[in-house]
Amino acid sequence: MDTTVKEQDLIKQGAMQSDFFQMSDTEKNNWRNTIAAKTRAVLFAKGQPLVYEKEGSMVAEYADGTLIKL
């Protein structure tokens, strides 16, 4: 049984302006930045922190800019 997930399966249909595999590197970077900003906005709107790795430690960033080391 093949358990490999194809990249095409990870990209949600309808959210992209153009085909990911046809984008230039500049377009991909702009798309990644847009996704990051949208993710941050959605989490903060729900009162949730954005959790990520910073300088080797996991941190939770809140809408007010507070960073808490986890």
PDB file of N, CA and C in Angstrom:
ATOM      1  N   MET A   1       0.843  -1.189   0.000  1.00  0.00           N
ATOM      2  CA  MET A   1       0.000   0.000   0.000  1.00  0.00           C
ATOM      3  C   MET A   1       0.884   1.246   0.000  1.00  0.00           C
ATOM      4  N   ASP A   2       0.603   2.171  -0.896  1.00  0.00           N
ATOM      5  CA  ASP A   2       1.377   3.397  -1.015  1.00  0.00           C
ATOM      6  C   ASP A   2       0.827   4.448  -0.051  1.00  0.00           C
ATOM      7  N   THR A   3       1.671   4.910   0.886  1.00  0.00           N
ATOM      8  CA  THR A   3       1.230   5.906   1.873  1.00  0.00           C
ATOM      9  C   THR A   3       1.846   7.275   1.609  1.00  0.00           C
ATOM     10  N   THR A   4       2.443   7.466   0.448  1.00  0.00           N
ATOM     11  CA  THR A   4       3.045   8.740   0.103  1.00  0.00           C
ATOM     12  C   THR A   4       1.954   9.766  -0.201  1.00  0.00           C
ATOM     13  N   VAL A   5       2.071  10.934   0.419  1.00  0.00           N
ATOM     14  CA  VAL A   5       1.119  12.011   0.179  1.00  0.00           C
ATOM     15  C   VAL A   5       1.717  12.923  -0.894  1.00  0.00           C
ATOM     16  N   LYS A   6       0.975  13.157  -1.934  1.00  0.00           N
ATOM     17  CA  LYS A   6       1.437  14.020  -3.013  1.00  0.00           C
ATOM     18  C   LYS A   6       1.247  15.484  -2.618  1.00  0.00           C
ATOM     19  N   GLU A   7       2.162  16.336  -3.062  1.00  0.00           N
ATOM     20  CA  GLU A   7       2.058  17.765  -2.754  1.00  0.00           C
ATOM     21  C   GLU A   7       0.741  18.348  -3.251  1.00  0.00           C
ATOM     22  N   GLN A   8       0.251  17.859  -4.375  1.00  0.00           N
ATOM     23  CA  GLN A   8      -1.002  18.364  -4.930  1.00  0.00           C
ATOM     24  C   GLN A   8      -2.160  18.150  -3.958  1.00  0.00           C
ATOM     25  N   ASP A   9      -2.092  17.073  -3.160  1.00  0.00           N
ATOM     26  CA  ASP A   9      -3.165  16.764  -2.224  1.00  0.00           C
ATOM     27  C   ASP A   9      -3.164  17.699  -1.018  1.00  0.00           C
ATOM     28  N   LEU A  10      -2.053  18.381  -0.768  1.00  0.00           N
ATOM     29  CA  LEU A  10      -1.942  19.266   0.386  1.00  0.00           C
ATOM     30  C   LEU A  10      -2.415  20.682   0.101  1.00  0.00           C
ATOM     31  N   ILE A  11      -2.617  21.002  -1.149  1.00  0.00           N
ATOM     32  CA  ILE A  11      -3.011  22.356  -1.530  1.00  0.00           C
ATOM     33  C   ILE A  11      -4.523  22.412  -1.685  1.00  0.00           C
ATOM     34  N   LYS A  12      -5.158  23.230  -0.899  1.00  0.00           N
ATOM     35  CA  LYS A  12      -6.608  23.364  -0.913  1.00  0.00           C
ATOM     36  C   LYS A  12      -7.065  23.978  -2.231  1.00  0.00           C
ATOM     37  N   GLN A  13      -8.049  23.379  -2.828  1.00  0.00           N
ATOM     38  CA  GLN A  13      -8.589  23.895  -4.078  1.00  0.00           C
ATOM     39  C   GLN A  13      -9.373  25.175  -3.821  1.00  0.00           C
ATOM     40  N   GLY A  14      -9.215  26.152  -4.698  1.00  0.00           N
ATOM     41  CA  GLY A  14     -10.003  27.375  -4.623  1.00  0.00           C
ATOM     42  C   GLY A  14      -9.344  28.512  -3.874  1.00  0.00           C
ATOM     43  N   ALA A  15      -8.312  28.243  -3.094  1.00  0.00           N
ATOM     44  CA  ALA A  15      -7.665  29.295  -2.323  1.00  0.00           C
ATOM     45  C   ALA A  15      -6.504  29.938  -3.073  1.00  0.00           C
ATOM     46  N   MET A  16      -6.060  29.318  -4.137  1.00  0.00           N
ATOM     47  CA  MET A  16      -4.900  29.793  -4.875  1.00  0.00           C
ATOM     48  C   MET A  16      -5.344  30.648  -6.062  1.00  0.00           C
ATOM     49  N   GLN A  17      -4.560  31.675  -6.362  1.00  0.00           N
ATOM     50  CA  GLN A  17      -4.842  32.509  -7.525  1.00  0.00           C
ATOM     51  C   GLN A  17      -4.370  31.848  -8.812  1.00  0.00           C
ATOM     52  N   SER A  18      -3.323  31.027  -8.701  1.00  0.00           N
ATOM     53  CA  SER A  18      -2.811  30.309  -9.858  1.00  0.00           C
ATOM     54  C   SER A  18      -2.256  28.968  -9.400  1.00  0.00           C
ATOM     55  N   ASP A  19      -1.914  28.114 -10.344  1.00  0.00           N
ATOM     56  CA  ASP A  19      -1.403  26.782 -10.048  1.00  0.00           C
ATOM     57  C   ASP A  19      -0.046  26.895  -9.352  1.00  0.00           C
ATOM     58  N   PHE A  20       0.058  26.304  -8.173  1.00  0.00           N
ATOM     59  CA  PHE A  20       1.285  26.360  -7.380  1.00  0.00           C
ATOM     60  C   PHE A  20       2.491  25.878  -8.180  1.00  0.00           C
ATOM     61  N   PHE A  21       2.311  24.847  -8.956  1.00  0.00           N
ATOM     62  CA  PHE A  21       3.423  24.248  -9.682  1.00  0.00           C
ATOM     63  C   PHE A  21       3.815  25.045 -10.925  1.00  0.00           C
ATOM     64  N   GLN A  22       3.049  26.060 -11.262  1.00  0.00           N
ATOM     65  CA  GLN A  22       3.374  26.938 -12.379  1.00  0.00           C
ATOM     66  C   GLN A  22       3.875  28.303 -11.906  1.00  0.00           C
ATOM     67  N   MET A  23       3.888  28.534 -10.594  1.00  0.00           N
ATOM     68  CA  MET A  23       4.307  29.825 -10.040  1.00  0.00           C
ATOM     69  C   MET A  23       5.817  30.001 -10.113  1.00  0.00           C
ATOM     70  N   SER A  24       6.235  31.244 -10.250  1.00  0.00           N
ATOM     71  CA  SER A  24       7.657  31.575 -10.167  1.00  0.00           C
ATOM     72  C   SER A  24       8.049  31.572  -8.683  1.00  0.00           C
ATOM     73  N   ASP A  25       9.345  31.619  -8.413  1.00  0.00           N
ATOM     74  CA  ASP A  25       9.811  31.659  -7.023  1.00  0.00           C
ATOM     75  C   ASP A  25       9.296  32.899  -6.298  1.00  0.00           C
ATOM     76  N   THR A  26       9.229  34.025  -6.988  1.00  0.00           N
ATOM     77  CA  THR A  26       8.718  35.259  -6.387  1.00  0.00           C
ATOM     78  C   THR A  26       7.252  35.101  -6.005  1.00  0.00           C
ATOM     79  N   GLU A  27       6.459  34.512  -6.895  1.00  0.00           N
ATOM     80  CA  GLU A  27       5.039  34.295  -6.603  1.00  0.00           C
ATOM     81  C   GLU A  27       4.858  33.345  -5.427  1.00  0.00           C
ATOM     82  N   LYS A  28       5.685  32.313  -5.337  1.00  0.00           N
ATOM     83  CA  LYS A  28       5.599  31.362  -4.217  1.00  0.00           C
ATOM     84  C   LYS A  28       5.943  32.047  -2.905  1.00  0.00           C
ATOM     85  N   ASN A  29       6.971  32.896  -2.910  1.00  0.00           N
ATOM     86  CA  ASN A  29       7.335  33.620  -1.686  1.00  0.00           C
ATOM     87  C   ASN A  29       6.225  34.565  -1.252  1.00  0.00           C
ATOM     88  N   ASN A  30       5.611  35.266  -2.194  1.00  0.00           N
ATOM     89  CA  ASN A  30       4.489  36.147  -1.870  1.00  0.00           C
ATOM     90  C   ASN A  30       3.322  35.353  -1.307  1.00  0.00           C
ATOM     91  N   TRP A  31       3.048  34.186  -1.887  1.00  0.00           N
ATOM     92  CA  TRP A  31       1.964  33.321  -1.419  1.00  0.00           C
ATOM     93  C   TRP A  31       2.242  32.850   0.003  1.00  0.00           C
ATOM     94  N   ARG A  32       3.476  32.435   0.280  1.00  0.00           N
ATOM     95  CA  ARG A  32       3.839  31.975   1.634  1.00  0.00           C
ATOM     96  C   ARG A  32       3.673  33.093   2.653  1.00  0.00           C
ATOM     97  N   ASN A  33       4.072  34.308   2.294  1.00  0.00           N
ATOM     98  CA  ASN A  33       3.918  35.450   3.205  1.00  0.00           C
ATOM     99  C   ASN A  33       2.446  35.758   3.456  1.00  0.00           C
ATOM    100  N   THR A  34       1.627  35.662   2.430  1.00  0.00           N
ATOM    101  CA  THR A  34       0.194  35.911   2.565  1.00  0.00           C
ATOM    102  C   THR A  34      -0.443  34.871   3.473  1.00  0.00           C
ATOM    103  N   ILE A  35      -0.075  33.597   3.281  1.00  0.00           N
ATOM    104  CA  ILE A  35      -0.618  32.518   4.114  1.00  0.00           C
ATOM    105  C   ILE A  35      -0.225  32.733   5.568  1.00  0.00           C
ATOM    106  N   ALA A  36       1.019  33.128   5.815  1.00  0.00           N
ATOM    107  CA  ALA A  36       1.477  33.374   7.185  1.00  0.00           C
ATOM    108  C   ALA A  36       0.669  34.492   7.842  1.00  0.00           C
ATOM    109  N   ALA A  37       0.429  35.558   7.121  1.00  0.00           N
ATOM    110  CA  ALA A  37      -0.342  36.685   7.666  1.00  0.00           C
ATOM    111  C   ALA A  37      -1.792  36.277   7.935  1.00  0.00           C
ATOM    112  N   LYS A  38      -2.381  35.510   7.027  1.00  0.00           N
ATOM    113  CA  LYS A  38      -3.770  35.056   7.217  1.00  0.00           C
ATOM    114  C   LYS A  38      -3.872  34.122   8.414  1.00  0.00           C
ATOM    115  N   THR A  39      -2.908  33.228   8.568  1.00  0.00           N
ATOM    116  CA  THR A  39      -2.907  32.298   9.699  1.00  0.00           C
ATOM    117  C   THR A  39      -2.834  33.058  11.012  1.00  0.00           C
ATOM    118  N   ARG A  40      -1.934  34.021  11.080  1.00  0.00           N
ATOM    119  CA  ARG A  40      -1.781  34.845  12.282  1.00  0.00           C
ATOM    120  C   ARG A  40      -3.093  35.585  12.603  1.00  0.00           C
ATOM    121  N   ALA A  41      -3.711  36.174  11.590  1.00  0.00           N
ATOM    122  CA  ALA A  41      -4.953  36.926  11.789  1.00  0.00           C
ATOM    123  C   ALA A  41      -6.083  36.022  12.280  1.00  0.00           C
ATOM    124  N   VAL A  42      -6.202  34.839  11.707  1.00  0.00           N
ATOM    125  CA  VAL A  42      -7.274  33.910  12.114  1.00  0.00           C
ATOM    126  C   VAL A  42      -7.067  33.454  13.553  1.00  0.00           C
ATOM    127  N   LEU A  43      -5.850  33.075  13.904  1.00  0.00           N
ATOM    128  CA  LEU A  43      -5.578  32.636  15.281  1.00  0.00           C
ATOM    129  C   LEU A  43      -5.851  33.746  16.288  1.00  0.00           C
ATOM    130  N   PHE A  44      -5.353  34.949  16.006  1.00  0.00           N
ATOM    131  CA  PHE A  44      -5.546  36.053  16.937  1.00  0.00           C
ATOM    132  C   PHE A  44      -7.016  36.435  17.054  1.00  0.00           C
ATOM    133  N   ALA A  45      -7.771  36.340  15.982  1.00  0.00           N
ATOM    134  CA  ALA A  45      -9.204  36.647  16.020  1.00  0.00           C
ATOM    135  C   ALA A  45      -9.952  35.660  16.915  1.00  0.00           C
ATOM    136  N   LYS A  46      -9.441  34.442  17.011  1.00  0.00           N
ATOM    137  CA  LYS A  46     -10.062  33.415  17.855  1.00  0.00           C
ATOM    138  C   LYS A  46      -9.495  33.421  19.273  1.00  0.00           C
ATOM    139  N   GLY A  47      -8.584  34.348  19.545  1.00  0.00           N
ATOM    140  CA  GLY A  47      -7.973  34.422  20.871  1.00  0.00           C
ATOM    141  C   GLY A  47      -6.911  33.367  21.102  1.00  0.00           C
ATOM    142  N   GLN A  48      -6.425  32.759  20.039  1.00  0.00           N
ATOM    143  CA  GLN A  48      -5.420  31.711  20.139  1.00  0.00           C
ATOM    144  C   GLN A  48      -4.032  32.291  19.866  1.00  0.00           C
ATOM    145  N   PRO A  49      -2.994  31.727  20.493  1.00  0.00           N
ATOM    146  CA  PRO A  49      -1.639  32.186  20.200  1.00  0.00           C
ATOM    147  C   PRO A  49      -1.087  31.501  18.956  1.00  0.00           C
ATOM    148  N   LEU A  50      -0.114  32.121  18.359  1.00  0.00           N
ATOM    149  CA  LEU A  50       0.641  31.518  17.265  1.00  0.00           C
ATOM    150  C   LEU A  50       1.853  30.863  17.918  1.00  0.00           C
ATOM    151  N   VAL A  51       1.998  29.558  17.765  1.00  0.00           N
ATOM    152  CA  VAL A  51       3.086  28.816  18.397  1.00  0.00           C
ATOM    153  C   VAL A  51       4.099  28.445  17.329  1.00  0.00           C
ATOM    154  N   TYR A  52       5.360  28.744  17.600  1.00  0.00           N
ATOM    155  CA  TYR A  52       6.422  28.434  16.648  1.00  0.00           C
ATOM    156  C   TYR A  52       7.758  28.328  17.376  1.00  0.00           C
ATOM    157  N   GLU A  53       8.777  27.884  16.645  1.00  0.00           N
ATOM    158  CA  GLU A  53      10.106  27.756  17.218  1.00  0.00           C
ATOM    159  C   GLU A  53      10.888  29.040  16.978  1.00  0.00           C
ATOM    160  N   LYS A  54      11.532  29.505  18.034  1.00  0.00           N
ATOM    161  CA  LYS A  54      12.359  30.711  17.938  1.00  0.00           C
ATOM    162  C   LYS A  54      13.618  30.479  18.765  1.00  0.00           C
ATOM    163  N   GLU A  55      14.759  30.566  18.123  1.00  0.00           N
ATOM    164  CA  GLU A  55      16.053  30.402  18.781  1.00  0.00           C
ATOM    165  C   GLU A  55      16.131  29.084  19.550  1.00  0.00           C
ATOM    166  N   GLY A  56      15.606  28.025  18.963  1.00  0.00           N
ATOM    167  CA  GLY A  56      15.699  26.694  19.551  1.00  0.00           C
ATOM    168  C   GLY A  56      14.655  26.365  20.595  1.00  0.00           C
ATOM    169  N   SER A  57      13.749  27.276  20.893  1.00  0.00           N
ATOM    170  CA  SER A  57      12.692  27.040  21.884  1.00  0.00           C
ATOM    171  C   SER A  57      11.334  27.316  21.263  1.00  0.00           C
ATOM    172  N   MET A  58      10.326  26.636  21.762  1.00  0.00           N
ATOM    173  CA  MET A  58       8.958  26.885  21.320  1.00  0.00           C
ATOM    174  C   MET A  58       8.419  28.092  22.075  1.00  0.00           C
ATOM    175  N   VAL A  59       7.760  28.984  21.352  1.00  0.00           N
ATOM    176  CA  VAL A  59       7.165  30.171  21.955  1.00  0.00           C
ATOM    177  C   VAL A  59       5.716  30.307  21.490  1.00  0.00           C
ATOM    178  N   ALA A  60       4.924  30.942  22.317  1.00  0.00           N
ATOM    179  CA  ALA A  60       3.537  31.272  21.972  1.00  0.00           C
ATOM    180  C   ALA A  60       3.466  32.787  21.868  1.00  0.00           C
ATOM    181  N   GLU A  61       3.040  33.268  20.710  1.00  0.00           N
ATOM    182  CA  GLU A  61       2.902  34.703  20.480  1.00  0.00           C
ATOM    183  C   GLU A  61       1.425  35.062  20.500  1.00  0.00           C
ATOM    184  N   TYR A  62       1.079  36.083  21.278  1.00  0.00           N
ATOM    185  CA  TYR A  62      -0.294  36.512  21.405  1.00  0.00           C
ATOM    186  C   TYR A  62      -0.529  37.799  20.601  1.00  0.00           C
ATOM    187  N   ALA A  63      -1.781  38.138  20.402  1.00  0.00           N
ATOM    188  CA  ALA A  63      -2.161  39.290  19.572  1.00  0.00           C
ATOM    189  C   ALA A  63      -1.550  40.585  20.067  1.00  0.00           C
ATOM    190  N   ASP A  64      -1.350  40.720  21.364  1.00  0.00           N
ATOM    191  CA  ASP A  64      -0.775  41.952  21.914  1.00  0.00           C
ATOM    192  C   ASP A  64       0.748  42.000  21.802  1.00  0.00           C
ATOM    193  N   GLY A  65       1.336  40.950  21.208  1.00  0.00           N
ATOM    194  CA  GLY A  65       2.780  40.904  21.021  1.00  0.00           C
ATOM    195  C   GLY A  65       3.536  40.165  22.109  1.00  0.00           C
ATOM    196  N   THR A  66       2.825  39.710  23.133  1.00  0.00           N
ATOM    197  CA  THR A  66       3.449  38.973  24.217  1.00  0.00           C
ATOM    198  C   THR A  66       3.987  37.643  23.702  1.00  0.00           C
ATOM    199  N   LEU A  67       5.230  37.335  24.063  1.00  0.00           N
ATOM    200  CA  LEU A  67       5.841  36.044  23.738  1.00  0.00           C
ATOM    201  C   LEU A  67       6.060  35.272  25.036  1.00  0.00           C
ATOM    202  N   ILE A  68       5.584  34.030  25.061  1.00  0.00           N
ATOM    203  CA  ILE A  68       5.768  33.177  26.216  1.00  0.00           C
ATOM    204  C   ILE A  68       6.544  31.944  25.779  1.00  0.00           C
ATOM    205  N   LYS A  69       7.670  31.700  26.449  1.00  0.00           N
ATOM    206  CA  LYS A  69       8.482  30.526  26.139  1.00  0.00           C
ATOM    207  C   LYS A  69       7.793  29.292  26.720  1.00  0.00           C
ATOM    208  N   LEU A  70       7.635  28.284  25.887  1.00  0.00           N
ATOM    209  CA  LEU A  70       6.948  27.066  26.326  1.00  0.00           C
ATOM    210  C   LEU A  70       7.926  26.012  26.772  1.00  0.00           C
TER     211      LEU A  70
END
